[in-house]
Amino acid sequence: MKTTLTTVAMATVLSTAAFADSLDIEGFGVAEYELEADVVTTTVGADFGVDRWTFTPSMSLDNDGQDYAFAEAEFTVNYQANDAVNLYGTIETDQDFDYEETTFGVEFRF
């Protein structure tokens, strides 16, 4: 239910013409190798930024040496409070899009 509401809210916000003029979009990818687990994890996603807000959907694939398999999906909302402090929240799902975890945090730079 939370995922559905978040998706509807994002679609509504992203569809407005005024919002589209100030929208920054940047894609990203990450590849990691875990030594002990012998697994390669690849993550792809996009950052949708407007003003001090960034919305980041992403998905991860794992490869255990045989095939890539969908591992998880995440949706993060980040607010840049000032040049040194970011506040964020992340919702994680498993490979079946079942809820796994919600994380809130503060990131700072000095």
N, C-alpha and C. Protein backbone atom coordinates (compact mmCIF):
# COMPACT_ATOMS: atom_id res chain seq x y z
N MET A 1 0.82 -1.19 0.00
CA MET A 1 0.00 0.00 0.00
C MET A 1 0.86 1.25 0.00
N LYS A 2 1.92 1.25 0.84
CA LYS A 2 2.81 2.40 0.88
C LYS A 2 3.48 2.62 -0.48
N THR A 3 3.88 1.52 -1.12
CA THR A 3 4.53 1.63 -2.43
C THR A 3 3.57 2.20 -3.46
N THR A 4 2.32 1.77 -3.43
CA THR A 4 1.33 2.27 -4.37
C THR A 4 1.09 3.76 -4.17
N LEU A 5 0.93 4.18 -2.93
CA LEU A 5 0.72 5.60 -2.65
C LEU A 5 1.92 6.44 -3.06
N THR A 6 3.11 5.93 -2.79
CA THR A 6 4.32 6.66 -3.18
C THR A 6 4.41 6.78 -4.69
N THR A 7 4.09 5.70 -5.41
CA THR A 7 4.13 5.72 -6.87
C THR A 7 3.13 6.70 -7.44
N VAL A 8 1.91 6.71 -6.91
CA VAL A 8 0.88 7.64 -7.38
C VAL A 8 1.31 9.08 -7.12
N ALA A 9 1.84 9.34 -5.94
CA ALA A 9 2.29 10.70 -5.61
C ALA A 9 3.41 11.15 -6.54
N MET A 10 4.37 10.27 -6.80
CA MET A 10 5.47 10.63 -7.70
C MET A 10 4.98 10.87 -9.12
N ALA A 11 4.07 10.04 -9.61
CA ALA A 11 3.54 10.22 -10.96
C ALA A 11 2.80 11.54 -11.09
N THR A 12 2.06 11.91 -10.07
CA THR A 12 1.33 13.18 -10.08
C THR A 12 2.29 14.36 -10.11
N VAL A 13 3.29 14.31 -9.25
CA VAL A 13 4.26 15.41 -9.18
C VAL A 13 5.06 15.51 -10.47
N LEU A 14 5.52 14.38 -10.99
CA LEU A 14 6.35 14.40 -12.19
C LEU A 14 5.58 14.79 -13.44
N SER A 15 4.26 14.69 -13.42
CA SER A 15 3.49 14.97 -14.62
C SER A 15 3.13 16.45 -14.78
N THR A 16 3.37 17.27 -13.79
CA THR A 16 3.02 18.68 -13.91
C THR A 16 4.06 19.43 -14.73
N ALA A 17 3.61 20.33 -15.58
CA ALA A 17 4.49 21.08 -16.47
C ALA A 17 5.43 21.99 -15.69
N ALA A 18 4.95 22.62 -14.64
CA ALA A 18 5.79 23.52 -13.86
C ALA A 18 6.94 22.76 -13.20
N PHE A 19 6.67 21.57 -12.74
CA PHE A 19 7.69 20.75 -12.10
C PHE A 19 8.74 20.31 -13.11
N ALA A 20 8.31 20.01 -14.33
CA ALA A 20 9.22 19.50 -15.35
C ALA A 20 10.31 20.50 -15.71
N ASP A 21 10.02 21.80 -15.63
CA ASP A 21 11.02 22.82 -15.96
C ASP A 21 12.19 22.83 -14.99
N SER A 22 11.96 22.48 -13.73
CA SER A 22 13.01 22.54 -12.73
C SER A 22 13.54 21.16 -12.35
N LEU A 23 13.18 20.13 -13.09
CA LEU A 23 13.56 18.76 -12.77
C LEU A 23 14.95 18.42 -13.31
N ASP A 24 15.83 17.93 -12.45
CA ASP A 24 17.14 17.42 -12.85
C ASP A 24 17.09 15.91 -12.78
N ILE A 25 17.50 15.24 -13.86
CA ILE A 25 17.49 13.77 -13.91
C ILE A 25 18.90 13.29 -14.19
N GLU A 26 19.36 12.35 -13.37
CA GLU A 26 20.69 11.78 -13.55
C GLU A 26 20.64 10.29 -13.25
N GLY A 27 21.05 9.46 -14.20
CA GLY A 27 21.11 8.03 -13.99
C GLY A 27 22.41 7.62 -13.33
N PHE A 28 22.43 6.44 -12.72
CA PHE A 28 23.65 5.94 -12.10
C PHE A 28 23.68 4.42 -12.11
N GLY A 29 24.84 3.87 -11.92
CA GLY A 29 25.03 2.44 -11.83
C GLY A 29 26.18 2.13 -10.88
N VAL A 30 26.09 1.01 -10.19
CA VAL A 30 27.12 0.58 -9.25
C VAL A 30 27.31 -0.92 -9.44
N ALA A 31 28.55 -1.38 -9.43
CA ALA A 31 28.84 -2.81 -9.47
C ALA A 31 29.78 -3.12 -8.30
N GLU A 32 29.44 -4.16 -7.54
CA GLU A 32 30.23 -4.56 -6.37
C GLU A 32 30.47 -6.06 -6.40
N TYR A 33 31.62 -6.48 -5.89
CA TYR A 33 31.92 -7.90 -5.74
C TYR A 33 32.14 -8.19 -4.26
N GLU A 34 31.39 -9.15 -3.73
CA GLU A 34 31.52 -9.55 -2.33
C GLU A 34 32.43 -10.78 -2.26
N LEU A 35 33.58 -10.64 -1.61
CA LEU A 35 34.57 -11.71 -1.57
C LEU A 35 34.07 -12.98 -0.88
N GLU A 36 33.55 -12.84 0.32
CA GLU A 36 33.14 -14.02 1.08
C GLU A 36 31.92 -14.71 0.47
N ALA A 37 30.97 -13.93 -0.03
CA ALA A 37 29.76 -14.50 -0.61
C ALA A 37 29.96 -14.92 -2.06
N ASP A 38 31.02 -14.42 -2.71
CA ASP A 38 31.31 -14.69 -4.12
C ASP A 38 30.11 -14.31 -5.00
N VAL A 39 29.63 -13.08 -4.78
CA VAL A 39 28.46 -12.58 -5.50
C VAL A 39 28.78 -11.21 -6.07
N VAL A 40 28.37 -10.99 -7.31
CA VAL A 40 28.46 -9.68 -7.94
C VAL A 40 27.08 -9.04 -7.85
N THR A 41 27.01 -7.82 -7.32
CA THR A 41 25.76 -7.09 -7.24
C THR A 41 25.85 -5.86 -8.13
N THR A 42 24.86 -5.68 -8.97
CA THR A 42 24.79 -4.53 -9.86
C THR A 42 23.53 -3.75 -9.51
N THR A 43 23.68 -2.45 -9.32
CA THR A 43 22.56 -1.58 -8.99
C THR A 43 22.45 -0.49 -10.05
N VAL A 44 21.23 -0.24 -10.52
CA VAL A 44 20.97 0.85 -11.45
C VAL A 44 19.79 1.66 -10.92
N GLY A 45 19.79 2.95 -11.24
CA GLY A 45 18.71 3.80 -10.78
C GLY A 45 18.81 5.18 -11.40
N ALA A 46 18.01 6.07 -10.90
CA ALA A 46 18.00 7.45 -11.38
C ALA A 46 17.70 8.38 -10.22
N ASP A 47 18.33 9.55 -10.27
CA ASP A 47 18.04 10.61 -9.30
C ASP A 47 17.17 11.65 -9.99
N PHE A 48 16.03 11.95 -9.40
CA PHE A 48 15.13 12.99 -9.90
C PHE A 48 15.17 14.12 -8.87
N GLY A 49 15.81 15.23 -9.22
CA GLY A 49 15.99 16.31 -8.27
C GLY A 49 15.22 17.56 -8.64
N VAL A 50 14.65 18.18 -7.62
CA VAL A 50 13.99 19.47 -7.78
C VAL A 50 14.24 20.27 -6.51
N ASP A 51 14.79 21.46 -6.70
CA ASP A 51 15.18 22.31 -5.57
C ASP A 51 16.09 21.53 -4.63
N ARG A 52 15.71 21.40 -3.37
CA ARG A 52 16.54 20.69 -2.39
C ARG A 52 16.14 19.23 -2.22
N TRP A 53 15.18 18.75 -3.01
CA TRP A 53 14.67 17.38 -2.90
C TRP A 53 15.25 16.50 -4.00
N THR A 54 15.56 15.26 -3.65
CA THR A 54 15.97 14.25 -4.63
C THR A 54 15.19 12.97 -4.36
N PHE A 55 14.62 12.41 -5.43
CA PHE A 55 13.86 11.16 -5.36
C PHE A 55 14.63 10.12 -6.17
N THR A 56 14.95 8.98 -5.55
CA THR A 56 15.82 8.00 -6.19
C THR A 56 15.23 6.59 -6.14
N PRO A 57 14.63 6.14 -7.24
CA PRO A 57 14.27 4.72 -7.34
C PRO A 57 15.47 3.95 -7.87
N SER A 58 15.68 2.73 -7.37
CA SER A 58 16.78 1.91 -7.86
C SER A 58 16.43 0.44 -7.70
N MET A 59 17.15 -0.40 -8.45
CA MET A 59 16.97 -1.85 -8.34
C MET A 59 18.33 -2.52 -8.40
N SER A 60 18.44 -3.67 -7.73
CA SER A 60 19.70 -4.40 -7.68
C SER A 60 19.52 -5.81 -8.22
N LEU A 61 20.56 -6.27 -8.91
CA LEU A 61 20.61 -7.63 -9.44
C LEU A 61 21.82 -8.32 -8.84
N ASP A 62 21.68 -9.60 -8.46
CA ASP A 62 22.79 -10.38 -7.94
C ASP A 62 23.18 -11.46 -8.94
N ASN A 63 24.47 -11.75 -9.01
CA ASN A 63 24.96 -12.83 -9.86
C ASN A 63 25.85 -13.72 -9.01
N ASP A 64 25.41 -14.95 -8.80
CA ASP A 64 26.17 -15.88 -7.98
C ASP A 64 27.07 -16.78 -8.83
N GLY A 65 27.39 -16.35 -10.04
CA GLY A 65 28.25 -17.13 -10.92
C GLY A 65 27.49 -17.85 -12.01
N GLN A 66 26.16 -17.88 -11.90
CA GLN A 66 25.38 -18.58 -12.91
C GLN A 66 24.51 -17.59 -13.70
N ASP A 67 23.59 -16.93 -13.03
CA ASP A 67 22.69 -15.99 -13.69
C ASP A 67 22.47 -14.77 -12.81
N TYR A 68 22.11 -13.67 -13.47
CA TYR A 68 21.67 -12.49 -12.73
C TYR A 68 20.23 -12.70 -12.29
N ALA A 69 19.93 -12.33 -11.07
CA ALA A 69 18.58 -12.44 -10.53
C ALA A 69 18.23 -11.14 -9.83
N PHE A 70 16.99 -10.69 -9.99
CA PHE A 70 16.51 -9.49 -9.32
C PHE A 70 16.62 -9.71 -7.82
N ALA A 71 17.25 -8.77 -7.11
CA ALA A 71 17.49 -8.94 -5.68
C ALA A 71 16.62 -8.04 -4.82
N GLU A 72 16.53 -6.74 -5.18
CA GLU A 72 15.76 -5.82 -4.36
C GLU A 72 15.49 -4.53 -5.12
N ALA A 73 14.55 -3.76 -4.59
CA ALA A 73 14.26 -2.43 -5.11
C ALA A 73 14.26 -1.47 -3.93
N GLU A 74 14.66 -0.24 -4.20
CA GLU A 74 14.68 0.79 -3.16
C GLU A 74 14.10 2.08 -3.71
N PHE A 75 13.54 2.87 -2.80
CA PHE A 75 13.09 4.21 -3.14
C PHE A 75 13.56 5.13 -2.02
N THR A 76 14.37 6.13 -2.37
CA THR A 76 14.93 7.04 -1.38
C THR A 76 14.48 8.46 -1.65
N VAL A 77 14.12 9.17 -0.59
CA VAL A 77 13.82 10.60 -0.66
C VAL A 77 14.88 11.31 0.17
N ASN A 78 15.54 12.30 -0.44
CA ASN A 78 16.61 13.03 0.21
C ASN A 78 16.28 14.52 0.22
N TYR A 79 16.48 15.16 1.36
CA TYR A 79 16.28 16.61 1.47
C TYR A 79 17.60 17.26 1.89
N GLN A 80 18.09 18.21 1.10
CA GLN A 80 19.32 18.92 1.42
C GLN A 80 18.98 20.09 2.33
N ALA A 81 19.20 19.91 3.62
CA ALA A 81 18.87 20.95 4.60
C ALA A 81 19.75 22.18 4.42
N ASN A 82 21.04 21.94 4.18
CA ASN A 82 21.99 23.02 3.85
C ASN A 82 23.15 22.38 3.11
N ASP A 83 24.22 23.13 2.87
CA ASP A 83 25.34 22.61 2.09
C ASP A 83 26.06 21.44 2.77
N ALA A 84 25.89 21.30 4.08
CA ALA A 84 26.61 20.27 4.82
C ALA A 84 25.72 19.13 5.35
N VAL A 85 24.40 19.28 5.30
CA VAL A 85 23.52 18.29 5.93
C VAL A 85 22.42 17.85 4.97
N ASN A 86 22.27 16.52 4.81
CA ASN A 86 21.18 15.92 4.06
C ASN A 86 20.37 15.02 4.99
N LEU A 87 19.06 15.06 4.87
CA LEU A 87 18.16 14.17 5.60
C LEU A 87 17.55 13.22 4.58
N TYR A 88 17.46 11.93 4.91
CA TYR A 88 16.94 10.99 3.93
C TYR A 88 16.13 9.88 4.57
N GLY A 89 15.30 9.26 3.74
CA GLY A 89 14.54 8.09 4.12
C GLY A 89 14.53 7.13 2.95
N THR A 90 14.63 5.82 3.23
CA THR A 90 14.66 4.80 2.19
C THR A 90 13.69 3.69 2.53
N ILE A 91 12.94 3.25 1.53
CA ILE A 91 12.07 2.08 1.66
C ILE A 91 12.68 0.99 0.79
N GLU A 92 12.88 -0.21 1.35
CA GLU A 92 13.46 -1.34 0.62
C GLU A 92 12.43 -2.45 0.49
N THR A 93 12.47 -3.12 -0.68
CA THR A 93 11.64 -4.30 -0.91
C THR A 93 12.52 -5.46 -1.33
N ASP A 94 11.99 -6.67 -1.24
CA ASP A 94 12.75 -7.82 -1.71
C ASP A 94 12.45 -8.11 -3.17
N GLN A 95 12.88 -9.26 -3.66
CA GLN A 95 12.72 -9.60 -5.08
C GLN A 95 11.25 -9.76 -5.48
N ASP A 96 10.36 -9.94 -4.53
CA ASP A 96 8.92 -10.05 -4.81
C ASP A 96 8.20 -8.74 -4.54
N PHE A 97 8.94 -7.66 -4.32
CA PHE A 97 8.41 -6.34 -3.98
C PHE A 97 7.65 -6.34 -2.66
N ASP A 98 7.97 -7.29 -1.80
CA ASP A 98 7.43 -7.30 -0.45
C ASP A 98 8.28 -6.38 0.42
N TYR A 99 7.64 -5.65 1.29
CA TYR A 99 8.33 -4.70 2.17
C TYR A 99 9.40 -5.40 3.00
N GLU A 100 10.60 -4.78 3.08
CA GLU A 100 11.67 -5.32 3.92
C GLU A 100 12.07 -4.37 5.04
N GLU A 101 12.33 -3.09 4.69
CA GLU A 101 12.90 -2.20 5.70
C GLU A 101 12.67 -0.74 5.32
N THR A 102 12.55 0.10 6.33
CA THR A 102 12.55 1.56 6.15
C THR A 102 13.70 2.12 6.97
N THR A 103 14.47 3.00 6.35
CA THR A 103 15.64 3.59 7.00
C THR A 103 15.54 5.10 6.94
N PHE A 104 15.83 5.77 8.05
CA PHE A 104 15.92 7.23 8.09
C PHE A 104 17.34 7.57 8.52
N GLY A 105 17.90 8.64 7.94
CA GLY A 105 19.26 8.98 8.30
C GLY A 105 19.60 10.43 8.05
N VAL A 106 20.77 10.80 8.54
CA VAL A 106 21.34 12.12 8.37
C VAL A 106 22.73 11.93 7.79
N GLU A 107 23.03 12.66 6.73
CA GLU A 107 24.35 12.65 6.14
C GLU A 107 24.95 14.03 6.31
N PHE A 108 26.22 14.09 6.71
CA PHE A 108 26.84 15.40 6.87
C PHE A 108 28.23 15.39 6.27
N ARG A 109 28.67 16.57 5.86
CA ARG A 109 29.99 16.78 5.28
C ARG A 109 30.71 17.87 6.06
N PHE A 110 32.00 17.71 6.24
CA PHE A 110 32.78 18.73 6.93
C PHE A 110 34.15 18.85 6.31
